[in-house]
Protein backbone atom coordinates (compact mmCIF):
# COMPACT_ATOMS: atom_id res chain seq x y z
CA UNK A 1 -38.59 173.11 97.22
CA UNK A 2 -36.18 170.13 96.31
CA UNK A 3 -32.73 170.32 95.27
CA UNK A 4 -32.39 170.20 91.58
CA UNK A 5 -29.62 170.70 88.87
CA UNK A 6 -31.58 173.75 87.53
CA UNK A 7 -30.95 175.80 90.91
CA UNK A 8 -34.51 176.62 90.87
CA UNK A 9 -36.05 177.55 94.10
CA UNK A 10 -39.77 177.85 93.07
CA UNK A 11 -42.17 179.71 95.42
CA UNK A 12 -39.11 180.57 97.61
CA UNK A 13 -38.02 183.14 94.97
CA UNK A 14 -40.86 185.20 95.78
CA UNK A 15 -38.81 187.89 98.00
CA UNK A 16 -42.29 189.27 99.46
CA UNK A 17 -43.27 185.48 100.74
CA UNK A 18 -39.80 185.20 102.35
CA UNK A 19 -39.96 188.79 103.77
CA UNK A 20 -43.01 187.78 105.45
CA UNK A 21 -41.94 184.37 106.58
CA UNK A 22 -38.51 185.74 108.19
CA UNK A 23 -39.93 189.01 109.69
CA UNK A 24 -42.76 186.75 111.55
CA UNK A 25 -40.45 184.78 113.47
CA UNK A 26 -40.52 186.23 117.14
CA UNK A 27 -37.16 184.51 118.59
CA UNK A 28 -35.67 181.86 116.07
CA UNK A 29 -35.56 181.13 112.55
CA UNK A 30 -34.77 178.04 111.20
CA UNK A 31 -33.50 177.32 107.50
CA UNK A 32 -33.21 173.58 106.33
CA UNK A 33 -31.86 173.88 102.52
CA UNK A 34 -29.57 172.76 99.97
CA UNK A 35 -27.20 175.91 100.09
CA UNK A 36 -25.88 175.08 96.37
CA UNK A 37 -29.41 175.24 95.34
CA UNK A 38 -30.76 178.18 96.99
CA UNK A 39 -27.47 180.31 96.33
CA UNK A 40 -28.72 180.51 92.74
CA UNK A 41 -31.20 183.25 94.02
CA UNK A 42 -29.44 186.46 95.28
CA UNK A 43 -32.07 187.13 98.15
CA UNK A 44 -31.55 183.49 99.77
CA UNK A 45 -27.71 183.40 99.20
CA UNK A 46 -27.82 186.84 100.91
CA UNK A 47 -29.92 185.59 103.97
CA UNK A 48 -27.78 182.17 103.93
CA UNK A 49 -24.64 184.58 104.14
CA UNK A 50 -26.34 186.38 106.78
CA UNK A 51 -27.26 183.24 109.24
CA UNK A 52 -23.68 181.92 108.56
CA UNK A 53 -22.14 185.53 109.82
CA UNK A 54 -24.45 185.90 112.82
CA UNK A 55 -25.96 182.23 113.48
CA UNK A 56 -25.13 178.93 113.52
CA UNK A 57 -25.05 176.43 110.56
CA UNK A 58 -25.18 172.75 110.80
CA UNK A 59 -24.02 170.57 107.94
CA UNK A 60 -25.77 167.26 107.16
CA UNK A 61 -24.03 165.01 104.84
CA UNK A 62 -26.43 162.93 102.38
CA UNK A 63 -27.17 159.50 104.00
CA UNK A 64 -26.63 160.66 107.56
CA UNK A 65 -30.01 161.14 108.33
CA UNK A 66 -30.26 159.04 111.26
CA UNK A 67 -29.96 159.87 115.01
CA UNK A 68 -29.74 163.36 115.84
CA UNK A 69 -29.58 164.67 112.18
CA UNK A 70 -26.86 166.66 112.66
CA UNK A 71 -28.62 168.71 115.03
CA UNK A 72 -27.06 168.04 118.26
CA UNK A 73 -30.19 166.44 120.02
CA UNK A 74 -32.66 163.73 118.96
CA UNK A 75 -36.14 164.85 117.56
CA UNK A 76 -39.06 163.68 120.14
CA UNK A 77 -40.43 160.45 119.51
CA UNK A 78 -43.72 160.16 118.06
CA UNK A 79 -46.67 158.69 119.68
CA UNK A 80 -47.69 155.60 118.36
CA UNK A 81 -51.43 155.01 117.28
CA UNK A 82 -52.83 152.02 118.27
């Protein structure tokens, strides 16, 4: 779901889908989001609050998408296809 001025979360607003996606994780859940968009949904806002209290949050500023992406590590290079 893209960030938008309406704060619409699309299919992520289906609590049943999100419940299945989150509870299937065995070791780790990663949430990549625009917090101002998802906080318009009560369930997602609660999830983000829980992650902030019990997990780790990394902030990435717009336009800073190079290097380690704010994650503390660089993603592996993709193999070239020749």
